[in-house]
């Protein structure tokens, strides 16, 4: 047996108490990332679930990076992980799809941006993006072949219904 053979000098590779402590702390750090990976592996992730999860991870990394219970090496790893996370997270700030997904999500609405302490002009910009996307992609009926799809009255009625429904949805989303 290997462990019974004292001539193999395996004791040189044995972890010290400090190294065991670091390993345990590293395990604790990686746990939140493992949990997020498992959560998103169970279903198809979307912006409305990924972004709040990134927020939670960011808060955890921020809090733990200044906690004195962790060794300096582990605190430094928090900083590196946070820097990497923020690199990707900051890219979402420029994504119109991200803003639209968060505004139209039944739980988040504009309150997400308010709670994240976005500046008022950025929150207004997110709202305007949703309105502009609707106007550009859904409000016009010029591209519908009226002879093929519907008669002119049906198209007009459908446009009005869609517009009213959209405004009902959008304005109800902004009410907290």
N, C-alpha and C. Protein backbone atom coordinates (compact mmCIF):
# COMPACT_ATOMS: atom_id res chain seq x y z
N UNK A 1 0.83 -1.18 0.00
CA UNK A 1 0.00 0.00 0.00
C UNK A 1 0.88 1.24 0.00
N UNK A 2 0.42 2.27 -0.73
CA UNK A 2 1.21 3.49 -0.86
C UNK A 2 1.31 4.23 0.46
N UNK A 3 0.18 4.37 1.18
CA UNK A 3 0.20 5.17 2.41
C UNK A 3 1.00 4.49 3.52
N UNK A 4 1.24 3.22 3.43
CA UNK A 4 2.00 2.51 4.45
C UNK A 4 3.50 2.59 4.19
N UNK A 5 3.89 2.95 2.97
CA UNK A 5 5.29 3.01 2.59
C UNK A 5 5.87 4.37 2.97
N UNK A 6 6.63 4.42 4.02
CA UNK A 6 7.20 5.68 4.52
C UNK A 6 8.33 6.19 3.63
N UNK A 7 8.84 5.38 2.76
CA UNK A 7 9.95 5.77 1.91
C UNK A 7 9.52 6.60 0.69
N UNK A 8 8.22 6.78 0.48
CA UNK A 8 7.74 7.50 -0.71
C UNK A 8 7.74 9.02 -0.50
N UNK A 9 8.01 9.48 0.69
CA UNK A 9 8.08 10.91 1.01
C UNK A 9 6.81 11.67 0.63
N UNK A 10 5.65 11.07 0.83
CA UNK A 10 4.39 11.73 0.53
C UNK A 10 4.06 12.83 1.54
N UNK A 11 4.68 12.79 2.69
CA UNK A 11 4.45 13.81 3.70
C UNK A 11 4.83 15.20 3.18
N UNK A 12 5.71 15.27 2.21
CA UNK A 12 6.10 16.56 1.63
C UNK A 12 4.92 17.22 0.91
N UNK A 13 3.94 16.43 0.50
CA UNK A 13 2.79 16.96 -0.24
C UNK A 13 1.56 17.16 0.64
N UNK A 14 1.68 16.86 1.92
CA UNK A 14 0.57 17.02 2.85
C UNK A 14 0.28 18.50 3.05
N UNK A 15 -1.02 18.87 3.05
CA UNK A 15 -1.40 20.26 3.27
C UNK A 15 -1.22 20.65 4.73
N UNK A 16 -0.75 21.87 4.91
CA UNK A 16 -0.62 22.40 6.28
C UNK A 16 -2.00 22.87 6.74
N UNK A 17 -2.10 23.22 8.01
CA UNK A 17 -3.38 23.73 8.54
C UNK A 17 -3.79 25.00 7.79
N UNK A 18 -2.84 25.87 7.51
CA UNK A 18 -3.15 27.11 6.78
C UNK A 18 -3.65 26.80 5.37
N UNK A 19 -3.03 25.83 4.71
CA UNK A 19 -3.45 25.46 3.36
C UNK A 19 -4.85 24.84 3.37
N UNK A 20 -5.16 24.06 4.40
CA UNK A 20 -6.51 23.51 4.54
C UNK A 20 -7.53 24.63 4.74
N UNK A 21 -7.14 25.63 5.52
CA UNK A 21 -8.03 26.77 5.76
C UNK A 21 -8.29 27.52 4.44
N UNK A 22 -7.23 27.74 3.66
CA UNK A 22 -7.39 28.38 2.35
C UNK A 22 -8.28 27.56 1.42
N UNK A 23 -8.09 26.26 1.43
CA UNK A 23 -8.90 25.38 0.59
C UNK A 23 -10.38 25.46 0.98
N UNK A 24 -10.65 25.49 2.28
CA UNK A 24 -12.04 25.61 2.75
C UNK A 24 -12.63 26.96 2.35
N UNK A 25 -11.86 28.02 2.50
CA UNK A 25 -12.36 29.34 2.12
C UNK A 25 -12.58 29.43 0.61
N UNK A 26 -11.68 28.83 -0.16
CA UNK A 26 -11.84 28.82 -1.61
C UNK A 26 -13.11 28.04 -1.99
N UNK A 27 -13.36 26.95 -1.30
CA UNK A 27 -14.58 26.18 -1.51
C UNK A 27 -15.81 27.06 -1.28
N UNK A 28 -15.80 27.83 -0.20
CA UNK A 28 -16.92 28.72 0.12
C UNK A 28 -17.12 29.77 -0.97
N UNK A 29 -16.02 30.29 -1.49
CA UNK A 29 -16.07 31.31 -2.55
C UNK A 29 -16.67 30.71 -3.82
N UNK A 30 -16.21 29.54 -4.17
CA UNK A 30 -16.65 28.91 -5.42
C UNK A 30 -18.08 28.38 -5.34
N UNK A 31 -18.62 28.23 -4.14
CA UNK A 31 -19.96 27.69 -3.96
C UNK A 31 -21.02 28.54 -4.65
N UNK A 32 -20.92 29.85 -4.54
CA UNK A 32 -21.91 30.72 -5.17
C UNK A 32 -21.87 30.59 -6.69
N UNK A 33 -20.67 30.40 -7.24
CA UNK A 33 -20.55 30.22 -8.68
C UNK A 33 -21.08 28.86 -9.11
N UNK A 34 -20.85 27.85 -8.29
CA UNK A 34 -21.40 26.52 -8.57
C UNK A 34 -22.92 26.57 -8.55
N UNK A 35 -23.48 27.23 -7.54
CA UNK A 35 -24.94 27.33 -7.43
C UNK A 35 -25.53 28.03 -8.65
N UNK A 36 -24.90 29.10 -9.10
CA UNK A 36 -25.39 29.82 -10.29
C UNK A 36 -25.29 28.93 -11.52
N UNK A 37 -24.19 28.21 -11.67
CA UNK A 37 -24.02 27.31 -12.82
C UNK A 37 -25.10 26.24 -12.82
N UNK A 38 -25.35 25.63 -11.68
CA UNK A 38 -26.39 24.60 -11.59
C UNK A 38 -27.77 25.16 -11.87
N UNK A 39 -28.05 26.35 -11.35
CA UNK A 39 -29.35 26.99 -11.57
C UNK A 39 -29.59 27.21 -13.06
N UNK A 40 -28.60 27.77 -13.76
CA UNK A 40 -28.78 28.07 -15.17
C UNK A 40 -28.67 26.84 -16.06
N UNK A 41 -28.15 25.75 -15.54
CA UNK A 41 -28.08 24.51 -16.30
C UNK A 41 -29.42 23.79 -16.32
N UNK A 42 -30.31 24.15 -15.40
CA UNK A 42 -31.61 23.47 -15.30
C UNK A 42 -32.61 23.97 -16.32
N UNK A 43 -32.44 25.18 -16.84
CA UNK A 43 -33.38 25.72 -17.80
C UNK A 43 -32.63 26.65 -18.74
N UNK A 44 -33.37 27.21 -19.68
CA UNK A 44 -32.77 28.14 -20.61
C UNK A 44 -32.72 29.51 -19.98
N UNK A 45 -31.54 30.03 -19.71
CA UNK A 45 -31.45 31.34 -19.05
C UNK A 45 -31.85 32.46 -20.01
N UNK A 46 -32.35 33.55 -19.44
CA UNK A 46 -32.65 34.74 -20.21
C UNK A 46 -32.16 35.95 -19.42
N UNK A 47 -32.20 37.12 -20.07
CA UNK A 47 -31.70 38.32 -19.42
C UNK A 47 -32.35 38.57 -18.07
N UNK A 48 -33.64 38.33 -18.01
CA UNK A 48 -34.39 38.66 -16.78
C UNK A 48 -33.99 37.78 -15.60
N UNK A 49 -33.36 36.64 -15.85
CA UNK A 49 -32.87 35.80 -14.75
C UNK A 49 -31.36 35.91 -14.57
N UNK A 50 -30.64 36.10 -15.66
CA UNK A 50 -29.18 36.16 -15.58
C UNK A 50 -28.70 37.43 -14.88
N UNK A 51 -29.27 38.55 -15.25
CA UNK A 51 -28.80 39.83 -14.71
C UNK A 51 -29.00 39.91 -13.19
N UNK A 52 -30.18 39.58 -12.65
CA UNK A 52 -30.31 39.59 -11.18
C UNK A 52 -29.35 38.60 -10.49
N UNK A 53 -29.09 37.47 -11.13
CA UNK A 53 -28.12 36.53 -10.56
C UNK A 53 -26.73 37.15 -10.54
N UNK A 54 -26.37 37.85 -11.62
CA UNK A 54 -25.07 38.53 -11.66
C UNK A 54 -25.01 39.61 -10.58
N UNK A 55 -26.13 40.30 -10.37
CA UNK A 55 -26.18 41.30 -9.30
C UNK A 55 -25.92 40.67 -7.94
N UNK A 56 -26.56 39.53 -7.70
CA UNK A 56 -26.39 38.84 -6.42
C UNK A 56 -24.94 38.39 -6.23
N UNK A 57 -24.36 37.82 -7.26
CA UNK A 57 -22.96 37.39 -7.20
C UNK A 57 -22.05 38.59 -6.95
N UNK A 58 -22.32 39.70 -7.64
CA UNK A 58 -21.52 40.91 -7.47
C UNK A 58 -21.59 41.42 -6.03
N UNK A 59 -22.79 41.44 -5.46
CA UNK A 59 -22.94 41.89 -4.06
C UNK A 59 -22.18 40.96 -3.11
N UNK A 60 -22.27 39.66 -3.36
CA UNK A 60 -21.59 38.67 -2.50
C UNK A 60 -20.07 38.87 -2.59
N UNK A 61 -19.57 39.04 -3.81
CA UNK A 61 -18.12 39.24 -3.98
C UNK A 61 -17.68 40.55 -3.32
N UNK A 62 -18.49 41.59 -3.45
CA UNK A 62 -18.15 42.89 -2.84
C UNK A 62 -18.10 42.78 -1.33
N UNK A 63 -19.11 42.16 -0.76
CA UNK A 63 -19.19 42.01 0.69
C UNK A 63 -18.04 41.15 1.21
N UNK A 64 -17.82 40.01 0.57
CA UNK A 64 -16.81 39.07 1.05
C UNK A 64 -15.39 39.58 0.83
N UNK A 65 -15.20 40.46 -0.14
CA UNK A 65 -13.84 40.96 -0.40
C UNK A 65 -13.33 41.85 0.73
N UNK A 66 -14.23 42.39 1.52
CA UNK A 66 -13.81 43.25 2.63
C UNK A 66 -14.01 42.59 3.99
N UNK A 67 -14.46 41.35 3.99
CA UNK A 67 -14.65 40.61 5.24
C UNK A 67 -13.31 40.12 5.75
N UNK A 68 -13.03 40.42 6.98
CA UNK A 68 -11.73 40.06 7.57
C UNK A 68 -11.61 38.57 7.88
N UNK A 69 -12.68 37.82 7.74
CA UNK A 69 -12.61 36.39 8.06
C UNK A 69 -11.88 35.60 6.98
N UNK A 70 -11.66 36.22 5.82
CA UNK A 70 -10.98 35.53 4.73
C UNK A 70 -9.50 35.90 4.69
N UNK A 71 -8.70 34.95 4.29
CA UNK A 71 -7.26 35.19 4.13
C UNK A 71 -7.03 36.20 3.00
N UNK A 72 -5.93 36.95 3.04
CA UNK A 72 -5.66 37.94 1.99
C UNK A 72 -5.67 37.36 0.57
N UNK A 73 -5.17 36.15 0.40
CA UNK A 73 -5.17 35.52 -0.92
C UNK A 73 -6.59 35.30 -1.43
N UNK A 74 -7.49 34.93 -0.54
CA UNK A 74 -8.89 34.71 -0.91
C UNK A 74 -9.56 36.05 -1.19
N UNK A 75 -9.26 37.07 -0.38
CA UNK A 75 -9.81 38.40 -0.63
C UNK A 75 -9.36 38.91 -2.00
N UNK A 76 -8.13 38.65 -2.37
CA UNK A 76 -7.63 39.06 -3.68
C UNK A 76 -8.37 38.32 -4.79
N UNK A 77 -8.70 37.04 -4.56
CA UNK A 77 -9.43 36.29 -5.58
C UNK A 77 -10.84 36.86 -5.77
N UNK A 78 -11.43 37.40 -4.68
CA UNK A 78 -12.72 38.07 -4.81
C UNK A 78 -12.60 39.25 -5.76
N UNK A 79 -11.55 40.01 -5.59
CA UNK A 79 -11.34 41.19 -6.44
C UNK A 79 -11.19 40.81 -7.90
N UNK A 80 -10.43 39.76 -8.17
CA UNK A 80 -10.25 39.30 -9.55
C UNK A 80 -11.56 38.77 -10.14
N UNK A 81 -12.30 38.02 -9.35
CA UNK A 81 -13.59 37.48 -9.82
C UNK A 81 -14.56 38.61 -10.10
N UNK A 82 -14.59 39.60 -9.21
CA UNK A 82 -15.48 40.76 -9.38
C UNK A 82 -15.10 41.54 -10.63
N UNK A 83 -13.82 41.71 -10.88
CA UNK A 83 -13.36 42.43 -12.07
C UNK A 83 -13.81 41.70 -13.34
N UNK A 84 -13.68 40.39 -13.36
CA UNK A 84 -14.10 39.60 -14.52
C UNK A 84 -15.62 39.68 -14.71
N UNK A 85 -16.36 39.52 -13.62
CA UNK A 85 -17.82 39.60 -13.69
C UNK A 85 -18.25 40.97 -14.21
N UNK A 86 -17.66 42.02 -13.68
CA UNK A 86 -18.05 43.37 -14.09
C UNK A 86 -17.69 43.68 -15.54
N UNK A 87 -16.64 43.04 -16.04
CA UNK A 87 -16.29 43.21 -17.46
C UNK A 87 -17.47 42.80 -18.33
N UNK A 88 -18.06 41.65 -18.03
CA UNK A 88 -19.20 41.17 -18.82
C UNK A 88 -20.49 41.89 -18.44
N UNK A 89 -20.65 42.17 -17.18
CA UNK A 89 -21.85 42.85 -16.71
C UNK A 89 -21.97 44.24 -17.33
N UNK A 90 -20.87 44.96 -17.43
CA UNK A 90 -20.90 46.30 -18.01
C UNK A 90 -21.31 46.29 -19.48
N UNK A 91 -21.05 45.21 -20.15
CA UNK A 91 -21.47 45.11 -21.55
C UNK A 91 -23.00 45.14 -21.68
N UNK A 92 -23.71 44.64 -20.67
CA UNK A 92 -25.17 44.63 -20.75
C UNK A 92 -25.75 46.03 -20.66
N UNK A 93 -25.04 46.96 -20.02
CA UNK A 93 -25.55 48.32 -19.90
C UNK A 93 -25.78 48.97 -21.27
N UNK A 94 -25.05 48.52 -22.27
CA UNK A 94 -25.16 49.10 -23.61
C UNK A 94 -26.08 48.29 -24.50
N UNK A 95 -26.64 47.23 -23.98
CA UNK A 95 -27.49 46.37 -24.79
C UNK A 95 -28.95 46.80 -24.70
N UNK A 96 -29.53 47.11 -25.85
CA UNK A 96 -30.96 47.47 -25.87
C UNK A 96 -31.82 46.26 -25.52
N UNK A 97 -31.39 45.09 -25.96
CA UNK A 97 -32.15 43.87 -25.66
C UNK A 97 -32.24 43.67 -24.15
N UNK A 98 -31.15 43.89 -23.46
CA UNK A 98 -31.13 43.78 -22.00
C UNK A 98 -32.13 44.74 -21.37
N UNK A 99 -32.10 45.98 -21.79
CA UNK A 99 -33.01 46.97 -21.21
C UNK A 99 -34.46 46.62 -21.50
N UNK A 100 -34.75 46.22 -22.71
CA UNK A 100 -36.12 45.86 -23.07
C UNK A 100 -36.58 44.65 -22.25
N UNK A 101 -35.73 43.65 -22.14
CA UNK A 101 -36.10 42.44 -21.37
C UNK A 101 -36.38 42.78 -19.92
N UNK A 102 -35.57 43.64 -19.34
CA UNK A 102 -35.78 43.98 -17.93
C UNK A 102 -37.03 44.84 -17.74
N UNK A 103 -37.27 45.77 -18.64
CA UNK A 103 -38.45 46.64 -18.52
C UNK A 103 -39.74 45.85 -18.72
N UNK A 104 -39.74 44.93 -19.67
CA UNK A 104 -40.96 44.18 -19.95
C UNK A 104 -41.18 42.98 -19.03
N UNK A 105 -40.17 42.62 -18.26
CA UNK A 105 -40.33 41.49 -17.35
C UNK A 105 -41.35 41.85 -16.26
N UNK A 106 -42.28 40.94 -16.00
CA UNK A 106 -43.38 41.22 -15.08
C UNK A 106 -42.92 41.53 -13.65
N UNK A 107 -41.77 41.07 -13.28
CA UNK A 107 -41.29 41.30 -11.91
C UNK A 107 -40.40 42.55 -11.81
N UNK A 108 -39.60 42.81 -12.83
CA UNK A 108 -38.59 43.85 -12.73
C UNK A 108 -39.11 45.24 -13.10
N UNK A 109 -39.63 45.38 -14.30
CA UNK A 109 -40.11 46.67 -14.81
C UNK A 109 -39.00 47.73 -14.69
N UNK A 110 -39.40 48.97 -14.51
CA UNK A 110 -38.40 50.03 -14.31
C UNK A 110 -37.84 50.03 -12.90
N UNK A 111 -38.52 49.35 -11.97
CA UNK A 111 -38.04 49.32 -10.59
C UNK A 111 -36.67 48.65 -10.49
N UNK A 112 -36.37 47.74 -11.41
CA UNK A 112 -35.05 47.09 -11.40
C UNK A 112 -33.95 48.15 -11.50
N UNK A 113 -34.11 49.07 -12.46
CA UNK A 113 -33.10 50.09 -12.68
C UNK A 113 -33.05 51.07 -11.50
N UNK A 114 -34.20 51.36 -10.92
CA UNK A 114 -34.24 52.26 -9.77
C UNK A 114 -33.53 51.62 -8.58
N UNK A 115 -33.80 50.34 -8.34
CA UNK A 115 -33.16 49.64 -7.23
C UNK A 115 -31.66 49.48 -7.44
N UNK A 116 -31.26 49.40 -8.71
CA UNK A 116 -29.84 49.30 -9.04
C UNK A 116 -29.17 50.67 -9.03
N UNK A 117 -29.96 51.69 -8.70
CA UNK A 117 -29.49 53.08 -8.58
C UNK A 117 -28.95 53.65 -9.88
N UNK A 118 -29.66 53.33 -10.98
CA UNK A 118 -29.33 53.94 -12.25
C UNK A 118 -29.73 55.41 -12.20
N UNK A 119 -29.03 56.25 -12.92
CA UNK A 119 -29.40 57.66 -13.00
C UNK A 119 -30.74 57.80 -13.71
N UNK A 120 -31.49 58.84 -13.36
CA UNK A 120 -32.83 59.06 -13.92
C UNK A 120 -32.81 59.10 -15.45
N UNK A 121 -31.81 59.74 -16.03
CA UNK A 121 -31.77 59.82 -17.50
C UNK A 121 -31.54 58.45 -18.14
N UNK A 122 -30.83 57.57 -17.45
CA UNK A 122 -30.62 56.21 -17.97
C UNK A 122 -31.91 55.40 -17.87
N UNK A 123 -32.64 55.60 -16.80
CA UNK A 123 -33.93 54.91 -16.63
C UNK A 123 -34.91 55.39 -17.71
N UNK A 124 -34.92 56.70 -17.94
CA UNK A 124 -35.78 57.24 -18.99
C UNK A 124 -35.37 56.71 -20.36
N UNK A 125 -34.07 56.57 -20.57
CA UNK A 125 -33.58 56.02 -21.84
C UNK A 125 -34.06 54.58 -22.02
N UNK A 126 -34.05 53.79 -20.96
CA UNK A 126 -34.53 52.41 -21.03
C UNK A 126 -36.01 52.39 -21.42
N UNK A 127 -36.79 53.25 -20.81
CA UNK A 127 -38.21 53.34 -21.13
C UNK A 127 -38.41 53.75 -22.58
N UNK A 128 -37.64 54.74 -23.03
CA UNK A 128 -37.75 55.21 -24.42
C UNK A 128 -37.36 54.13 -25.42
N UNK A 129 -36.37 53.33 -25.08
CA UNK A 129 -35.96 52.24 -25.97
C UNK A 129 -37.12 51.28 -26.21
N UNK A 130 -37.86 50.97 -25.15
CA UNK A 130 -39.01 50.07 -25.28
C UNK A 130 -40.06 50.70 -26.20
N UNK A 131 -40.36 51.96 -25.98
CA UNK A 131 -41.35 52.65 -26.81
C UNK A 131 -40.90 52.72 -28.27
N UNK A 132 -39.64 53.07 -28.47
CA UNK A 132 -39.11 53.18 -29.83
C UNK A 132 -39.12 51.83 -30.55
N UNK A 133 -38.76 50.77 -29.84
CA UNK A 133 -38.77 49.44 -30.45
C UNK A 133 -40.18 49.05 -30.86
N UNK A 134 -41.14 49.35 -30.00
CA UNK A 134 -42.53 49.05 -30.35
C UNK A 134 -42.95 49.84 -31.58
N UNK A 135 -42.68 51.13 -31.57
CA UNK A 135 -43.08 51.97 -32.70
C UNK A 135 -42.41 51.51 -34.00
N UNK A 136 -41.15 51.16 -33.90
CA UNK A 136 -40.39 50.75 -35.10
C UNK A 136 -40.79 49.37 -35.60
N UNK A 137 -41.02 48.44 -34.70
CA UNK A 137 -41.21 47.05 -35.11
C UNK A 137 -42.66 46.58 -35.10
N UNK A 138 -43.51 47.19 -34.29
CA UNK A 138 -44.84 46.62 -34.11
C UNK A 138 -45.99 47.57 -34.40
N UNK A 139 -45.80 48.85 -34.28
CA UNK A 139 -46.92 49.79 -34.40
C UNK A 139 -47.33 50.04 -35.84
N UNK A 140 -46.39 49.92 -36.78
CA UNK A 140 -46.73 50.19 -38.17
C UNK A 140 -47.29 48.95 -38.83
N UNK A 141 -48.19 49.18 -39.76
CA UNK A 141 -48.79 48.06 -40.50
C UNK A 141 -48.51 48.20 -41.98
N UNK A 142 -47.58 49.07 -42.35
CA UNK A 142 -47.28 49.32 -43.76
C UNK A 142 -46.79 48.08 -44.49
N UNK A 143 -46.15 47.18 -43.76
CA UNK A 143 -45.56 46.02 -44.42
C UNK A 143 -46.53 44.84 -44.54
N UNK A 144 -47.76 45.01 -44.10
CA UNK A 144 -48.74 43.93 -44.21
C UNK A 144 -49.40 44.00 -45.57
N UNK A 145 -49.47 42.89 -46.24
CA UNK A 145 -50.19 42.79 -47.52
C UNK A 145 -51.67 42.68 -47.19
N UNK A 146 -52.38 43.79 -47.32
CA UNK A 146 -53.77 43.86 -46.89
C UNK A 146 -54.65 42.89 -47.67
N UNK A 147 -54.40 42.73 -48.97
CA UNK A 147 -55.22 41.81 -49.77
C UNK A 147 -55.07 40.38 -49.28
N UNK A 148 -53.84 40.05 -48.88
CA UNK A 148 -53.57 38.67 -48.46
C UNK A 148 -53.97 38.43 -47.02
N UNK A 149 -53.61 39.34 -46.13
CA UNK A 149 -53.79 39.12 -44.70
C UNK A 149 -55.20 39.45 -44.23
N UNK A 150 -55.63 40.69 -44.41
CA UNK A 150 -56.91 41.15 -43.89
C UNK A 150 -57.41 42.30 -44.75
N UNK A 151 -58.68 42.59 -44.60
CA UNK A 151 -59.14 43.79 -45.29
C UNK A 151 -58.71 45.01 -44.49
N UNK A 152 -58.86 46.19 -45.08
CA UNK A 152 -58.35 47.42 -44.49
C UNK A 152 -58.93 47.70 -43.11
N UNK A 153 -60.20 47.45 -42.91
CA UNK A 153 -60.84 47.69 -41.61
C UNK A 153 -60.28 46.76 -40.54
N UNK A 154 -60.06 45.49 -40.90
CA UNK A 154 -59.50 44.54 -39.93
C UNK A 154 -58.09 44.94 -39.52
N UNK A 155 -57.29 45.41 -40.50
CA UNK A 155 -55.93 45.84 -40.19
C UNK A 155 -55.98 47.02 -39.24
N UNK A 156 -56.83 48.00 -39.52
CA UNK A 156 -56.95 49.18 -38.67
C UNK A 156 -57.40 48.78 -37.26
N UNK A 157 -58.40 47.92 -37.15
CA UNK A 157 -58.90 47.48 -35.86
C UNK A 157 -57.83 46.70 -35.09
N UNK A 158 -57.12 45.83 -35.80
CA UNK A 158 -56.07 45.05 -35.18
C UNK A 158 -54.94 45.95 -34.67
N UNK A 159 -54.58 46.96 -35.45
CA UNK A 159 -53.54 47.90 -35.04
C UNK A 159 -53.94 48.63 -33.78
N UNK A 160 -55.20 49.06 -33.74
CA UNK A 160 -55.68 49.78 -32.55
C UNK A 160 -55.66 48.86 -31.33
N UNK A 161 -56.14 47.64 -31.50
CA UNK A 161 -56.15 46.68 -30.38
C UNK A 161 -54.73 46.42 -29.89
N UNK A 162 -53.81 46.18 -30.81
CA UNK A 162 -52.41 45.93 -30.44
C UNK A 162 -51.80 47.13 -29.74
N UNK A 163 -52.08 48.31 -30.24
CA UNK A 163 -51.53 49.51 -29.64
C UNK A 163 -52.08 49.71 -28.23
N UNK A 164 -53.39 49.55 -28.07
CA UNK A 164 -54.00 49.68 -26.75
C UNK A 164 -53.45 48.63 -25.79
N UNK A 165 -53.35 47.39 -26.26
CA UNK A 165 -52.83 46.31 -25.43
C UNK A 165 -51.38 46.59 -25.03
N UNK A 166 -50.57 47.02 -25.99
CA UNK A 166 -49.19 47.32 -25.68
C UNK A 166 -49.09 48.42 -24.63
N UNK A 167 -49.84 49.51 -24.82
CA UNK A 167 -49.78 50.61 -23.86
C UNK A 167 -50.29 50.17 -22.49
N UNK A 168 -51.31 49.33 -22.47
CA UNK A 168 -51.80 48.82 -21.19
C UNK A 168 -50.70 48.03 -20.48
N UNK A 169 -50.03 47.15 -21.24
CA UNK A 169 -48.97 46.32 -20.66
C UNK A 169 -47.82 47.20 -20.19
N UNK A 170 -47.35 48.09 -21.05
CA UNK A 170 -46.19 48.92 -20.71
C UNK A 170 -46.49 49.80 -19.51
N UNK A 171 -47.61 50.49 -19.52
CA UNK A 171 -47.90 51.40 -18.42
C UNK A 171 -48.20 50.64 -17.13
N UNK A 172 -48.78 49.45 -17.22
CA UNK A 172 -49.00 48.67 -16.01
C UNK A 172 -47.68 48.16 -15.45
N UNK A 173 -46.71 47.95 -16.32
CA UNK A 173 -45.40 47.50 -15.86
C UNK A 173 -44.66 48.58 -15.08
N UNK A 174 -44.92 49.83 -15.41
CA UNK A 174 -44.20 50.91 -14.75
C UNK A 174 -44.79 51.26 -13.40
N UNK A 175 -45.97 50.76 -13.10
CA UNK A 175 -46.61 51.03 -11.82
C UNK A 175 -46.08 50.03 -10.82
N UNK A 176 -45.51 50.50 -9.76
CA UNK A 176 -44.92 49.59 -8.76
C UNK A 176 -45.95 49.08 -7.81
